[in-house]
């Protein structure tokens, strides 16, 4: 049986996350805790925090999004980069965990009350990589039959996340969503330039410029 990189990430994340639901020590050992990085050099926490989630809903939401978008991006990478595509896709996900949390670390490096967990930053990177390749594919909310073109969804996502981050409150690290998305865009553009002849930005712009207005917002099933 062939397992994609996306499926392997989902399986490992689900197993560790479910283990953490009933094991506080496991959560404490893996969670993103800036003072432990600052004082004890536990840099691994940038990555291990993506293996644990607050609850089943948090886990399911992130892994479902990863499954829906990651499978598409992984296939696009394999087409463009051949066997290197697997490694590049894995690097996209793993490095996004790190870079999406750098601003958070800078703000909270000595904050003993701050903790963060979840794979949202990496998932955001994958979603926005998918939007670059397929800007017109409709993205919608569960059970609501309205689909917004991916590039419009991406703009709204960043604006709302930025507003929520400035507003503060709650337990969601919106900053990781934003910087994960930005990393996904920059990384994907960079590797297309370095390892292929595919004009990603040109194709992205052409798809939007040549689209029918009806493709921007669609009603009904995709």
N, C-alpha and C. Protein backbone atom coordinates (compact mmCIF):
# COMPACT_ATOMS: atom_id res chain seq x y z
N UNK A 1 0.85 -1.19 0.00
CA UNK A 1 0.00 0.00 0.00
C UNK A 1 0.88 1.25 0.00
N UNK A 2 0.55 2.21 -0.87
CA UNK A 2 1.33 3.44 -0.97
C UNK A 2 0.77 4.50 -0.03
N UNK A 3 1.64 5.06 0.79
CA UNK A 3 1.23 6.15 1.68
C UNK A 3 1.88 7.44 1.19
N UNK A 4 1.08 8.45 0.97
CA UNK A 4 1.61 9.75 0.58
C UNK A 4 2.25 10.41 1.79
N UNK A 5 3.07 11.42 1.55
CA UNK A 5 3.66 12.19 2.65
C UNK A 5 2.55 12.82 3.49
N UNK A 6 1.53 13.33 2.82
CA UNK A 6 0.40 13.94 3.52
C UNK A 6 -0.25 12.95 4.49
N UNK A 7 -0.51 11.75 4.02
CA UNK A 7 -1.16 10.75 4.86
C UNK A 7 -0.26 10.33 6.03
N UNK A 8 1.03 10.21 5.77
CA UNK A 8 1.97 9.85 6.84
C UNK A 8 1.97 10.93 7.93
N UNK A 9 2.00 12.21 7.53
CA UNK A 9 1.97 13.31 8.49
C UNK A 9 0.68 13.25 9.32
N UNK A 10 -0.44 13.00 8.65
CA UNK A 10 -1.73 12.95 9.35
C UNK A 10 -1.75 11.81 10.36
N UNK A 11 -1.27 10.64 9.97
CA UNK A 11 -1.28 9.48 10.86
C UNK A 11 -0.41 9.74 12.09
N UNK A 12 0.81 10.22 11.87
CA UNK A 12 1.73 10.47 12.99
C UNK A 12 1.14 11.55 13.92
N UNK A 13 0.63 12.62 13.33
CA UNK A 13 0.06 13.71 14.13
C UNK A 13 -1.14 13.24 14.93
N UNK A 14 -2.00 12.45 14.30
CA UNK A 14 -3.19 11.95 15.00
C UNK A 14 -2.80 11.04 16.17
N UNK A 15 -1.83 10.16 15.95
CA UNK A 15 -1.41 9.23 17.01
C UNK A 15 -0.82 9.97 18.21
N UNK A 16 0.07 10.94 17.92
CA UNK A 16 0.69 11.69 19.01
C UNK A 16 -0.35 12.57 19.71
N UNK A 17 -1.22 13.19 18.94
CA UNK A 17 -2.24 14.07 19.52
C UNK A 17 -3.19 13.29 20.42
N UNK A 18 -3.66 12.15 19.96
CA UNK A 18 -4.56 11.33 20.78
C UNK A 18 -3.85 10.87 22.05
N UNK A 19 -2.56 10.58 21.94
CA UNK A 19 -1.80 10.20 23.12
C UNK A 19 -1.72 11.35 24.11
N UNK A 20 -1.60 12.56 23.59
CA UNK A 20 -1.50 13.74 24.44
C UNK A 20 -2.79 14.10 25.16
N UNK A 21 -3.93 13.68 24.60
CA UNK A 21 -5.21 14.02 25.24
C UNK A 21 -5.31 13.44 26.65
N UNK A 22 -4.61 12.34 26.90
CA UNK A 22 -4.68 11.71 28.21
C UNK A 22 -3.32 11.65 28.91
N UNK A 23 -2.39 12.43 28.39
CA UNK A 23 -1.02 12.39 28.95
C UNK A 23 -0.48 13.81 29.04
N UNK A 24 -0.64 14.44 30.20
CA UNK A 24 -0.21 15.82 30.38
C UNK A 24 1.30 15.97 30.22
N UNK A 25 2.06 14.98 30.65
CA UNK A 25 3.51 15.07 30.54
C UNK A 25 3.94 15.13 29.08
N UNK A 26 3.28 14.36 28.23
CA UNK A 26 3.60 14.38 26.81
C UNK A 26 3.35 15.77 26.23
N UNK A 27 2.23 16.37 26.61
CA UNK A 27 1.93 17.73 26.15
C UNK A 27 2.99 18.70 26.63
N UNK A 28 3.34 18.62 27.91
CA UNK A 28 4.35 19.52 28.48
C UNK A 28 5.70 19.37 27.80
N UNK A 29 6.04 18.16 27.40
CA UNK A 29 7.34 17.90 26.76
C UNK A 29 7.40 18.41 25.32
N UNK A 30 6.25 18.47 24.65
CA UNK A 30 6.24 18.79 23.22
C UNK A 30 5.73 20.19 22.90
N UNK A 31 5.00 20.81 23.81
CA UNK A 31 4.32 22.07 23.53
C UNK A 31 5.32 23.20 23.26
N UNK A 32 4.88 24.19 22.50
CA UNK A 32 5.72 25.36 22.24
C UNK A 32 5.69 26.26 23.47
N UNK A 33 6.81 26.28 24.18
CA UNK A 33 6.95 27.03 25.43
C UNK A 33 8.20 27.88 25.31
N UNK A 34 8.07 29.16 24.91
CA UNK A 34 9.22 30.00 24.60
C UNK A 34 10.33 30.04 25.66
N UNK A 35 10.02 30.15 26.97
CA UNK A 35 11.12 30.19 27.95
C UNK A 35 12.00 28.94 27.93
N UNK A 36 11.41 27.79 27.60
CA UNK A 36 12.21 26.56 27.52
C UNK A 36 13.19 26.63 26.36
N UNK A 37 12.81 27.36 25.32
CA UNK A 37 13.70 27.53 24.17
C UNK A 37 14.78 28.56 24.50
N UNK A 38 14.36 29.65 25.10
CA UNK A 38 15.30 30.73 25.45
C UNK A 38 16.35 30.27 26.45
N UNK A 39 15.92 29.60 27.49
CA UNK A 39 16.81 29.28 28.60
C UNK A 39 17.45 27.89 28.51
N UNK A 40 16.72 26.94 27.91
CA UNK A 40 17.22 25.56 27.86
C UNK A 40 17.54 25.10 26.45
N UNK A 41 17.40 26.00 25.49
CA UNK A 41 17.74 25.70 24.08
C UNK A 41 16.96 24.51 23.52
N UNK A 42 15.72 24.37 23.92
CA UNK A 42 14.89 23.26 23.43
C UNK A 42 14.20 23.66 22.11
N UNK A 43 15.03 23.84 21.08
CA UNK A 43 14.54 24.32 19.79
C UNK A 43 13.59 23.32 19.13
N UNK A 44 13.67 22.08 19.54
CA UNK A 44 12.79 21.07 18.94
C UNK A 44 11.32 21.40 19.14
N UNK A 45 11.00 22.24 20.13
CA UNK A 45 9.61 22.57 20.42
C UNK A 45 8.93 23.33 19.28
N UNK A 46 9.72 24.00 18.44
CA UNK A 46 9.15 24.64 17.25
C UNK A 46 8.45 23.61 16.36
N UNK A 47 8.97 22.38 16.38
CA UNK A 47 8.45 21.33 15.50
C UNK A 47 7.49 20.38 16.21
N UNK A 48 7.84 20.01 17.45
CA UNK A 48 7.01 19.01 18.14
C UNK A 48 5.63 19.55 18.52
N UNK A 49 5.51 20.88 18.66
CA UNK A 49 4.20 21.43 19.00
C UNK A 49 3.18 21.18 17.90
N UNK A 50 3.66 20.93 16.68
CA UNK A 50 2.75 20.64 15.57
C UNK A 50 2.20 19.23 15.60
N UNK A 51 2.70 18.41 16.53
CA UNK A 51 2.22 17.03 16.64
C UNK A 51 1.11 16.89 17.68
N UNK A 52 0.84 17.96 18.43
CA UNK A 52 -0.17 17.88 19.49
C UNK A 52 -1.24 18.95 19.27
N UNK A 53 -2.45 18.66 19.76
CA UNK A 53 -3.58 19.57 19.58
C UNK A 53 -4.38 19.68 20.87
N UNK A 54 -5.16 20.76 20.97
CA UNK A 54 -5.88 21.04 22.21
C UNK A 54 -6.99 20.03 22.47
N UNK A 55 -7.66 19.59 21.41
CA UNK A 55 -8.76 18.64 21.56
C UNK A 55 -9.03 17.99 20.21
N UNK A 56 -10.01 17.09 20.19
CA UNK A 56 -10.32 16.35 18.96
C UNK A 56 -10.77 17.28 17.84
N UNK A 57 -11.56 18.30 18.18
CA UNK A 57 -12.03 19.24 17.17
C UNK A 57 -10.89 19.99 16.51
N UNK A 58 -9.94 20.44 17.32
CA UNK A 58 -8.76 21.14 16.82
C UNK A 58 -7.96 20.23 15.88
N UNK A 59 -7.77 18.99 16.28
CA UNK A 59 -7.03 18.02 15.48
C UNK A 59 -7.74 17.72 14.16
N UNK A 60 -9.03 17.43 14.24
CA UNK A 60 -9.80 17.07 13.04
C UNK A 60 -9.80 18.22 12.03
N UNK A 61 -10.01 19.44 12.51
CA UNK A 61 -10.05 20.60 11.61
C UNK A 61 -8.73 20.75 10.86
N UNK A 62 -7.61 20.69 11.59
CA UNK A 62 -6.30 20.85 10.95
C UNK A 62 -5.98 19.71 10.00
N UNK A 63 -6.26 18.47 10.42
CA UNK A 63 -5.90 17.33 9.58
C UNK A 63 -6.82 17.18 8.37
N UNK A 64 -8.07 17.58 8.51
CA UNK A 64 -8.97 17.56 7.35
C UNK A 64 -8.52 18.58 6.32
N UNK A 65 -8.15 19.78 6.78
CA UNK A 65 -7.65 20.81 5.86
C UNK A 65 -6.36 20.33 5.19
N UNK A 66 -5.48 19.69 5.97
CA UNK A 66 -4.23 19.17 5.40
C UNK A 66 -4.51 18.10 4.36
N UNK A 67 -5.46 17.22 4.65
CA UNK A 67 -5.80 16.15 3.70
C UNK A 67 -6.34 16.72 2.39
N UNK A 68 -7.25 17.70 2.49
CA UNK A 68 -7.90 18.26 1.31
C UNK A 68 -6.92 19.04 0.43
N UNK A 69 -6.06 19.84 1.06
CA UNK A 69 -5.15 20.69 0.29
C UNK A 69 -3.78 20.04 0.09
N UNK A 70 -3.33 19.29 1.09
CA UNK A 70 -2.00 18.70 1.00
C UNK A 70 -1.88 17.69 -0.11
N UNK A 71 -2.91 16.91 -0.33
CA UNK A 71 -2.87 15.91 -1.39
C UNK A 71 -2.69 16.58 -2.75
N UNK A 72 -3.36 17.71 -2.94
CA UNK A 72 -3.24 18.45 -4.21
C UNK A 72 -1.84 19.01 -4.38
N UNK A 73 -1.33 19.65 -3.33
CA UNK A 73 0.00 20.27 -3.41
C UNK A 73 1.09 19.21 -3.59
N UNK A 74 0.97 18.11 -2.89
CA UNK A 74 1.96 17.04 -3.02
C UNK A 74 2.01 16.51 -4.46
N UNK A 75 0.85 16.35 -5.08
CA UNK A 75 0.81 15.88 -6.47
C UNK A 75 1.40 16.91 -7.41
N UNK A 76 1.09 18.19 -7.17
CA UNK A 76 1.67 19.26 -7.99
C UNK A 76 3.20 19.27 -7.88
N UNK A 77 3.71 19.08 -6.66
CA UNK A 77 5.16 19.05 -6.45
C UNK A 77 5.79 17.86 -7.17
N UNK A 78 5.14 16.72 -7.15
CA UNK A 78 5.68 15.54 -7.82
C UNK A 78 5.72 15.74 -9.33
N UNK A 79 4.70 16.40 -9.87
CA UNK A 79 4.67 16.68 -11.31
C UNK A 79 5.79 17.64 -11.69
N UNK A 80 5.99 18.67 -10.89
CA UNK A 80 6.98 19.71 -11.21
C UNK A 80 8.41 19.29 -10.92
N UNK A 81 8.60 18.58 -9.80
CA UNK A 81 9.96 18.33 -9.32
C UNK A 81 10.36 16.85 -9.31
N UNK A 82 9.53 16.00 -9.89
CA UNK A 82 9.79 14.55 -9.90
C UNK A 82 9.97 14.03 -8.47
N UNK A 83 10.96 13.18 -8.25
CA UNK A 83 11.13 12.59 -6.92
C UNK A 83 11.54 13.60 -5.86
N UNK A 84 12.15 14.70 -6.29
CA UNK A 84 12.49 15.77 -5.33
C UNK A 84 11.24 16.38 -4.73
N UNK A 85 10.12 16.19 -5.42
CA UNK A 85 8.87 16.79 -4.96
C UNK A 85 8.47 16.32 -3.57
N UNK A 86 8.75 15.06 -3.25
CA UNK A 86 8.39 14.54 -1.93
C UNK A 86 9.17 15.25 -0.84
N UNK A 87 10.49 15.40 -1.05
CA UNK A 87 11.32 16.07 -0.07
C UNK A 87 10.94 17.54 0.06
N UNK A 88 10.70 18.20 -1.07
CA UNK A 88 10.35 19.62 -1.05
C UNK A 88 9.01 19.85 -0.36
N UNK A 89 8.08 18.94 -0.58
CA UNK A 89 6.78 19.06 0.09
C UNK A 89 6.93 18.88 1.60
N UNK A 90 7.74 17.91 2.00
CA UNK A 90 7.98 17.69 3.43
C UNK A 90 8.68 18.90 4.04
N UNK A 91 9.63 19.49 3.31
CA UNK A 91 10.31 20.69 3.79
C UNK A 91 9.34 21.86 3.94
N UNK A 92 8.42 21.99 2.99
CA UNK A 92 7.39 23.04 3.08
C UNK A 92 6.66 22.93 4.41
N UNK A 93 6.23 21.74 4.75
CA UNK A 93 5.44 21.53 5.96
C UNK A 93 6.28 21.73 7.22
N UNK A 94 7.43 21.09 7.27
CA UNK A 94 8.26 21.12 8.50
C UNK A 94 8.83 22.51 8.74
N UNK A 95 9.36 23.15 7.71
CA UNK A 95 9.93 24.48 7.89
C UNK A 95 8.87 25.52 8.23
N UNK A 96 7.65 25.30 7.74
CA UNK A 96 6.56 26.23 8.06
C UNK A 96 6.25 26.20 9.55
N UNK A 97 6.38 25.04 10.18
CA UNK A 97 6.19 24.96 11.63
C UNK A 97 7.13 25.91 12.34
N UNK A 98 8.37 25.93 11.88
CA UNK A 98 9.40 26.77 12.51
C UNK A 98 9.18 28.25 12.21
N UNK A 99 9.09 28.60 10.93
CA UNK A 99 9.02 30.01 10.56
C UNK A 99 7.72 30.68 10.99
N UNK A 100 6.64 29.93 11.05
CA UNK A 100 5.36 30.52 11.45
C UNK A 100 5.36 30.92 12.92
N UNK A 101 6.27 30.33 13.71
CA UNK A 101 6.32 30.61 15.14
C UNK A 101 7.44 31.58 15.55
N UNK A 102 8.28 31.96 14.61
CA UNK A 102 9.37 32.88 14.95
C UNK A 102 8.87 34.22 15.52
N UNK A 103 7.86 34.86 14.91
CA UNK A 103 7.36 36.11 15.50
C UNK A 103 6.78 35.90 16.89
N UNK A 104 6.11 34.76 17.10
CA UNK A 104 5.55 34.45 18.42
C UNK A 104 6.67 34.29 19.43
N UNK A 105 7.72 33.60 19.04
CA UNK A 105 8.86 33.41 19.93
C UNK A 105 9.49 34.74 20.29
N UNK A 106 9.62 35.63 19.32
CA UNK A 106 10.23 36.94 19.55
C UNK A 106 9.43 37.74 20.59
N UNK A 107 8.11 37.62 20.55
CA UNK A 107 7.26 38.37 21.47
C UNK A 107 7.18 37.74 22.86
N UNK A 108 7.30 36.42 22.92
CA UNK A 108 7.03 35.72 24.18
C UNK A 108 8.23 34.93 24.71
N UNK A 109 9.44 35.27 24.31
CA UNK A 109 10.61 34.44 24.65
C UNK A 109 10.81 34.29 26.16
N UNK A 110 10.33 35.26 26.93
CA UNK A 110 10.47 35.15 28.39
C UNK A 110 9.12 35.20 29.10
N UNK A 111 8.08 34.82 28.37
CA UNK A 111 6.72 34.83 28.92
C UNK A 111 6.40 33.45 29.49
N UNK A 112 6.41 33.34 30.80
CA UNK A 112 6.21 32.04 31.45
C UNK A 112 4.75 31.57 31.39
N UNK A 113 3.86 32.45 30.94
CA UNK A 113 2.44 32.09 30.90
C UNK A 113 1.98 31.71 29.48
N UNK A 114 2.91 31.80 28.52
CA UNK A 114 2.51 31.56 27.13
C UNK A 114 2.85 30.14 26.68
N UNK A 115 1.88 29.50 26.06
CA UNK A 115 2.09 28.19 25.44
C UNK A 115 1.29 28.13 24.15
N UNK A 116 1.75 27.31 23.22
CA UNK A 116 1.05 27.19 21.94
C UNK A 116 1.22 25.77 21.41
N UNK A 117 0.19 25.27 20.75
CA UNK A 117 0.27 23.93 20.17
C UNK A 117 -0.60 23.85 18.93
N UNK A 118 -0.33 22.86 18.11
CA UNK A 118 -1.12 22.67 16.90
C UNK A 118 -0.31 22.88 15.63
N UNK A 119 -0.81 22.35 14.53
CA UNK A 119 -0.11 22.39 13.24
C UNK A 119 -0.65 23.47 12.31
N UNK A 120 -1.37 24.45 12.87
CA UNK A 120 -2.05 25.44 12.03
C UNK A 120 -1.11 26.22 11.12
N UNK A 121 0.08 26.59 11.61
CA UNK A 121 1.01 27.34 10.78
C UNK A 121 1.44 26.56 9.56
N UNK A 122 1.74 25.28 9.73
CA UNK A 122 2.16 24.43 8.62
C UNK A 122 1.00 24.18 7.66
N UNK A 123 -0.19 23.98 8.22
CA UNK A 123 -1.37 23.74 7.38
C UNK A 123 -1.68 24.98 6.55
N UNK A 124 -1.52 26.16 7.14
CA UNK A 124 -1.72 27.41 6.40
C UNK A 124 -0.75 27.50 5.22
N UNK A 125 0.49 27.08 5.44
CA UNK A 125 1.48 27.11 4.37
C UNK A 125 1.05 26.22 3.21
N UNK A 126 0.54 25.06 3.51
CA UNK A 126 0.08 24.12 2.48
C UNK A 126 -1.14 24.68 1.74
N UNK A 127 -2.07 25.26 2.48
CA UNK A 127 -3.28 25.84 1.86
C UNK A 127 -2.89 26.94 0.87
N UNK A 128 -1.97 27.81 1.27
CA UNK A 128 -1.61 28.92 0.40
C UNK A 128 -0.73 28.48 -0.77
N UNK A 129 0.02 27.41 -0.60
CA UNK A 129 0.73 26.83 -1.75
C UNK A 129 -0.28 26.31 -2.76
N UNK A 130 -1.35 25.70 -2.27
CA UNK A 130 -2.40 25.20 -3.14
C UNK A 130 -3.09 26.34 -3.89
N UNK A 131 -3.32 27.45 -3.18
CA UNK A 131 -3.97 28.60 -3.81
C UNK A 131 -3.10 29.17 -4.93
N UNK A 132 -1.78 29.15 -4.75
CA UNK A 132 -0.89 29.64 -5.81
C UNK A 132 -1.04 28.83 -7.09
N UNK A 133 -1.15 27.52 -6.96
CA UNK A 133 -1.29 26.66 -8.13
C UNK A 133 -2.71 26.70 -8.70
N UNK A 134 -3.69 26.85 -7.83
CA UNK A 134 -5.09 26.76 -8.26
C UNK A 134 -5.91 27.91 -7.66
N UNK A 135 -5.66 29.14 -8.11
CA UNK A 135 -6.29 30.30 -7.47
C UNK A 135 -7.80 30.39 -7.64
N UNK A 136 -8.36 29.65 -8.60
CA UNK A 136 -9.79 29.75 -8.86
C UNK A 136 -10.60 28.60 -8.28
N UNK A 137 -9.92 27.60 -7.73
CA UNK A 137 -10.64 26.49 -7.11
C UNK A 137 -11.40 27.01 -5.91
N UNK A 138 -12.70 26.70 -5.85
CA UNK A 138 -13.53 27.23 -4.78
C UNK A 138 -13.21 26.65 -3.42
N UNK A 139 -13.16 27.52 -2.43
CA UNK A 139 -12.96 27.11 -1.04
C UNK A 139 -14.18 27.57 -0.25
N UNK A 140 -14.78 26.68 0.51
CA UNK A 140 -15.98 27.04 1.26
C UNK A 140 -15.94 26.54 2.69
N UNK A 141 -16.91 26.96 3.46
CA UNK A 141 -17.05 26.50 4.82
C UNK A 141 -17.90 25.24 4.84
N UNK A 142 -17.68 24.38 5.83
CA UNK A 142 -18.40 23.13 5.92
C UNK A 142 -19.90 23.38 5.94
N UNK A 143 -20.63 22.60 5.15
CA UNK A 143 -22.09 22.58 5.13
C UNK A 143 -22.71 23.86 4.54
N UNK A 144 -21.89 24.81 4.09
CA UNK A 144 -22.42 26.02 3.46
C UNK A 144 -22.09 25.95 1.97
N UNK A 145 -23.12 25.87 1.09
CA UNK A 145 -22.88 25.66 -0.34
C UNK A 145 -22.47 26.91 -1.10
N UNK A 146 -21.53 27.68 -0.55
CA UNK A 146 -20.99 28.86 -1.21
C UNK A 146 -19.48 28.71 -1.26
N UNK A 147 -18.92 28.82 -2.46
CA UNK A 147 -17.48 28.61 -2.63
C UNK A 147 -16.84 29.87 -3.21
N UNK A 148 -15.82 30.35 -2.52
CA UNK A 148 -15.10 31.55 -2.94
C UNK A 148 -13.80 31.13 -3.61
N UNK A 149 -13.47 31.78 -4.72
CA UNK A 149 -12.21 31.47 -5.40
C UNK A 149 -11.06 31.53 -4.40
N UNK A 150 -10.13 30.59 -4.53
CA UNK A 150 -9.06 30.44 -3.56
C UNK A 150 -8.30 31.72 -3.26
N UNK A 151 -7.99 32.51 -4.28
CA UNK A 151 -7.18 33.70 -4.04
C UNK A 151 -7.96 34.75 -3.25
N UNK A 152 -9.28 34.81 -3.44
CA UNK A 152 -10.11 35.73 -2.65
C UNK A 152 -10.19 35.23 -1.21
N UNK A 153 -10.38 33.92 -1.05
CA UNK A 153 -10.39 33.34 0.28
C UNK A 153 -9.09 33.65 1.01
N UNK A 154 -7.96 33.53 0.30
CA UNK A 154 -6.66 33.79 0.90
C UNK A 154 -6.53 35.21 1.40
N UNK A 155 -7.00 36.18 0.61
CA UNK A 155 -6.94 37.58 1.02
C UNK A 155 -7.80 37.80 2.27
N UNK A 156 -9.02 37.28 2.24
CA UNK A 156 -9.92 37.43 3.39
C UNK A 156 -9.35 36.76 4.63
N UNK A 157 -8.75 35.60 4.44
CA UNK A 157 -8.16 34.84 5.54
C UNK A 157 -7.07 35.64 6.23
N UNK A 158 -6.19 36.27 5.44
CA UNK A 158 -5.10 37.06 6.01
C UNK A 158 -5.63 38.31 6.71
N UNK A 159 -6.62 38.96 6.11
CA UNK A 159 -7.19 40.18 6.71
C UNK A 159 -7.88 39.86 8.04
N UNK A 160 -8.66 38.79 8.06
CA UNK A 160 -9.37 38.42 9.29
C UNK A 160 -8.39 37.97 10.36
N UNK A 161 -7.39 37.17 9.97
CA UNK A 161 -6.40 36.71 10.94
C UNK A 161 -5.62 37.89 11.53
N UNK A 162 -5.29 38.87 10.67
CA UNK A 162 -4.57 40.04 11.15
C UNK A 162 -5.43 40.84 12.14
N UNK A 163 -6.72 40.97 11.84
CA UNK A 163 -7.64 41.69 12.74
C UNK A 163 -7.77 40.97 14.07
N UNK A 164 -7.91 39.65 14.01
CA UNK A 164 -8.06 38.87 15.24
C UNK A 164 -6.77 38.90 16.07
N UNK A 165 -5.63 38.91 15.39
CA UNK A 165 -4.35 38.98 16.10
C UNK A 165 -4.21 40.31 16.84
N UNK A 166 -4.58 41.41 16.18
CA UNK A 166 -4.49 42.72 16.81
C UNK A 166 -5.51 42.86 17.94
N UNK A 167 -6.66 42.23 17.76
CA UNK A 167 -7.71 42.30 18.78
C UNK A 167 -7.29 41.60 20.06
N UNK A 168 -6.57 40.49 19.90
CA UNK A 168 -6.09 39.75 21.06
C UNK A 168 -7.19 38.95 21.71
N UNK A 169 -6.85 38.27 22.79
CA UNK A 169 -7.81 37.44 23.49
C UNK A 169 -7.94 36.07 22.84
N UNK A 170 -8.51 35.14 23.53
CA UNK A 170 -8.67 33.80 22.99
C UNK A 170 -7.38 33.01 23.08
N UNK A 171 -7.45 31.75 22.65
CA UNK A 171 -6.29 30.87 22.77
C UNK A 171 -5.71 30.46 21.42
N UNK A 172 -6.12 31.16 20.36
CA UNK A 172 -5.66 30.80 19.02
C UNK A 172 -4.52 31.72 18.61
N UNK A 173 -3.44 31.13 18.11
CA UNK A 173 -2.29 31.90 17.66
C UNK A 173 -2.49 32.31 16.20
N UNK A 174 -3.20 33.41 15.98
CA UNK A 174 -3.50 33.87 14.63
C UNK A 174 -2.23 34.30 13.89
N UNK A 175 -1.24 34.74 14.64
CA UNK A 175 0.03 35.12 14.04
C UNK A 175 0.66 33.95 13.29
N UNK A 176 0.57 32.74 13.85
CA UNK A 176 1.12 31.55 13.19
C UNK A 176 0.40 31.28 11.88
N UNK A 177 -0.91 31.53 11.84
CA UNK A 177 -1.67 31.35 10.60
C UNK A 177 -1.13 32.29 9.52
N UNK A 178 -0.93 33.55 9.91
CA UNK A 178 -0.49 34.57 8.94
C UNK A 178 0.91 34.25 8.42
N UNK A 179 1.85 34.02 9.34
CA UNK A 179 3.23 33.81 8.92
C UNK A 179 3.43 32.44 8.26
N UNK A 180 2.59 31.47 8.62
CA UNK A 180 2.62 30.19 7.92
C UNK A 180 2.19 30.37 6.48
N UNK A 181 1.13 31.17 6.27
CA UNK A 181 0.65 31.44 4.92
C UNK A 181 1.71 32.15 4.09
N UNK A 182 2.34 33.16 4.69
CA UNK A 182 3.38 33.92 3.98
C UNK A 182 4.55 33.01 3.63
N UNK A 183 4.94 32.16 4.57
CA UNK A 183 6.05 31.23 4.29
C UNK A 183 5.68 30.29 3.14
N UNK A 184 4.45 29.79 3.15
CA UNK A 184 4.01 28.88 2.09
C UNK A 184 4.11 29.52 0.72
N UNK A 185 3.75 30.80 0.64
CA UNK A 185 3.81 31.53 -0.63
C UNK A 185 5.26 31.72 -1.06
N UNK A 186 6.09 32.22 -0.16
CA UNK A 186 7.50 32.51 -0.49
C UNK A 186 8.25 31.22 -0.85
N UNK A 187 8.06 30.18 -0.06
CA UNK A 187 8.76 28.91 -0.29
C UNK A 187 8.39 28.32 -1.64
N UNK A 188 7.10 28.32 -1.96
CA UNK A 188 6.64 27.71 -3.21
C UNK A 188 7.14 28.48 -4.42
N UNK A 189 7.10 29.80 -4.35
CA UNK A 189 7.63 30.61 -5.45
C UNK A 189 9.13 30.36 -5.61
N UNK A 190 9.85 30.28 -4.49
CA UNK A 190 11.31 30.10 -4.54
C UNK A 190 11.69 28.77 -5.17
N UNK A 191 11.05 27.68 -4.76
CA UNK A 191 11.46 26.38 -5.29
C UNK A 191 11.04 26.21 -6.75
N UNK A 192 9.95 26.85 -7.16
CA UNK A 192 9.57 26.80 -8.57
C UNK A 192 10.61 27.52 -9.41
N UNK A 193 11.15 28.60 -8.88
CA UNK A 193 12.18 29.35 -9.59
C UNK A 193 13.50 28.60 -9.62
N UNK A 194 13.83 27.91 -8.53
CA UNK A 194 15.12 27.23 -8.41
C UNK A 194 15.16 25.87 -9.09
N UNK A 195 14.06 25.12 -9.01
CA UNK A 195 14.10 23.71 -9.42
C UNK A 195 13.19 23.37 -10.60
N UNK A 196 12.57 24.37 -11.22
CA UNK A 196 11.72 24.08 -12.39
C UNK A 196 11.66 25.30 -13.29
N UNK A 197 11.09 25.10 -14.46
CA UNK A 197 10.89 26.21 -15.40
C UNK A 197 9.45 26.70 -15.36
N UNK A 198 8.68 26.22 -14.39
CA UNK A 198 7.26 26.57 -14.33
C UNK A 198 7.11 28.02 -13.84
N UNK A 199 6.50 28.90 -14.66
CA UNK A 199 6.34 30.32 -14.28
C UNK A 199 5.14 30.48 -13.35
N UNK A 200 5.32 30.16 -12.09
CA UNK A 200 4.21 30.09 -11.14
C UNK A 200 3.44 31.40 -11.03
N UNK A 201 4.14 32.50 -10.80
CA UNK A 201 3.44 33.77 -10.64
C UNK A 201 2.72 34.19 -11.93
N UNK A 202 3.36 33.96 -13.07
CA UNK A 202 2.74 34.31 -14.34
C UNK A 202 1.46 33.51 -14.55
N UNK A 203 1.51 32.21 -14.26
CA UNK A 203 0.33 31.36 -14.41
C UNK A 203 -0.77 31.75 -13.42
N UNK A 204 -0.35 32.11 -12.22
CA UNK A 204 -1.30 32.54 -11.18
C UNK A 204 -2.07 33.78 -11.66
N UNK A 205 -1.33 34.75 -12.17
CA UNK A 205 -1.95 36.00 -12.64
C UNK A 205 -2.82 35.74 -13.86
N UNK A 206 -2.36 34.91 -14.77
CA UNK A 206 -3.11 34.61 -15.99
C UNK A 206 -4.44 33.94 -15.67
N UNK A 207 -4.42 33.01 -14.73
CA UNK A 207 -5.66 32.32 -14.36
C UNK A 207 -6.70 33.29 -13.82
N UNK A 208 -6.25 34.23 -13.01
CA UNK A 208 -7.18 35.22 -12.44
C UNK A 208 -7.65 36.20 -13.51
N UNK A 209 -6.71 36.68 -14.34
CA UNK A 209 -7.04 37.67 -15.37
C UNK A 209 -8.00 37.12 -16.41
N UNK A 210 -7.88 35.82 -16.71
CA UNK A 210 -8.72 35.22 -17.76
C UNK A 210 -10.00 34.58 -17.22
N UNK A 211 -10.23 34.71 -15.93
CA UNK A 211 -11.38 34.05 -15.32
C UNK A 211 -12.67 34.81 -15.58
N UNK A 212 -13.75 34.06 -15.62
CA UNK A 212 -15.08 34.64 -15.66
C UNK A 212 -15.45 35.07 -14.25
N UNK A 213 -16.16 36.17 -14.12
CA UNK A 213 -16.54 36.66 -12.79
C UNK A 213 -17.33 35.63 -12.00
N UNK A 214 -18.03 34.75 -12.71
CA UNK A 214 -18.82 33.73 -12.02
C UNK A 214 -17.94 32.73 -11.29
N UNK A 215 -16.67 32.66 -11.68
CA UNK A 215 -15.75 31.73 -11.04
C UNK A 215 -15.26 32.24 -9.68
N UNK A 216 -15.47 33.51 -9.41
CA UNK A 216 -14.99 34.08 -8.15
C UNK A 216 -15.85 33.65 -6.97
N UNK A 217 -17.16 33.58 -7.18
CA UNK A 217 -18.07 33.10 -6.16
C UNK A 217 -19.03 32.11 -6.79
N UNK A 218 -19.08 30.90 -6.28
CA UNK A 218 -19.90 29.84 -6.85
C UNK A 218 -20.84 29.31 -5.80
N UNK A 219 -22.05 28.95 -6.25
CA UNK A 219 -23.05 28.39 -5.35
C UNK A 219 -23.31 26.94 -5.72
N UNK A 220 -23.61 26.15 -4.70
CA UNK A 220 -23.87 24.73 -4.95
C UNK A 220 -22.66 23.90 -4.66
N UNK A 221 -22.73 22.65 -5.02
CA UNK A 221 -21.66 21.71 -4.72
C UNK A 221 -20.50 21.87 -5.69
N UNK A 222 -19.27 21.65 -5.18
CA UNK A 222 -18.07 21.70 -6.01
C UNK A 222 -17.88 20.37 -6.71
